[in-house]
Amino acid sequence: MSSPPSLSDLADSINALTQSQRLFQADIAASID
């Protein structure tokens, strides 16, 4: 059985998600302009 993801692993994933989401929104805003 594999060990559950550690808190720092989870935080890293969340950080990556919010980062890409921010880039995505900036992309959309730029294309709308």
C-alpha atoms as a PDB file:
ATOM      1  CA  MET A   1       0.000   0.000   0.000  1.00  0.00           C
ATOM      2  CA  SER A   2       1.423   3.362  -0.975  1.00  0.00           C
ATOM      3  CA  SER A   3       1.648   6.101   1.601  1.00  0.00           C
ATOM      4  CA  PRO A   4      -0.807   8.989   1.369  1.00  0.00           C
ATOM      5  CA  PRO A   5       0.513  12.245  -0.122  1.00  0.00           C
ATOM      6  CA  SER A   6       2.191  14.435   2.464  1.00  0.00           C
ATOM      7  CA  LEU A   7       0.898  17.881   3.322  1.00  0.00           C
ATOM      8  CA  SER A   8       3.779  19.549   1.515  1.00  0.00           C
ATOM      9  CA  ASP A   9       3.006  17.460  -1.577  1.00  0.00           C
ATOM     10  CA  LEU A  10      -0.598  18.612  -1.434  1.00  0.00           C
ATOM     11  CA  ALA A  11       0.453  22.223  -0.950  1.00  0.00           C
ATOM     12  CA  ASP A  12       2.763  21.925  -3.957  1.00  0.00           C
ATOM     13  CA  SER A  13      -0.050  20.606  -6.138  1.00  0.00           C
ATOM     14  CA  ILE A  14      -2.395  23.360  -4.994  1.00  0.00           C
ATOM     15  CA  ASN A  15       0.268  25.985  -5.639  1.00  0.00           C
ATOM     16  CA  ALA A  16       0.847  24.627  -9.138  1.00  0.00           C
ATOM     17  CA  LEU A  17      -2.899  24.608  -9.809  1.00  0.00           C
ATOM     18  CA  THR A  18      -3.449  28.192  -8.680  1.00  0.00           C
ATOM     19  CA  GLN A  19      -0.372  29.279 -10.617  1.00  0.00           C
ATOM     20  CA  SER A  20      -1.565  27.739 -13.899  1.00  0.00           C
ATOM     21  CA  GLN A  21      -5.066  29.079 -13.289  1.00  0.00           C
ATOM     22  CA  ARG A  22      -3.655  32.586 -12.861  1.00  0.00           C
ATOM     23  CA  LEU A  23      -1.688  32.242 -16.090  1.00  0.00           C
ATOM     24  CA  PHE A  24      -4.812  30.921 -17.807  1.00  0.00           C
ATOM     25  CA  GLN A  25      -6.909  33.889 -16.665  1.00  0.00           C
ATOM     26  CA  ALA A  26      -4.180  36.343 -17.689  1.00  0.00           C
ATOM     27  CA  ASP A  27      -4.122  34.669 -21.102  1.00  0.00           C
ATOM     28  CA  ILE A  28      -7.876  35.100 -21.505  1.00  0.00           C
ATOM     29  CA  ALA A  29      -7.759  38.717 -20.354  1.00  0.00           C
ATOM     30  CA  ALA A  30      -4.994  39.419 -22.866  1.00  0.00           C
ATOM     31  CA  SER A  31      -6.915  37.813 -25.725  1.00  0.00           C
ATOM     32  CA  ILE A  32     -10.072  39.756 -24.858  1.00  0.00           C
ATOM     33  CA  ASP A  33      -8.236  43.089 -24.880  1.00  0.00           C
END
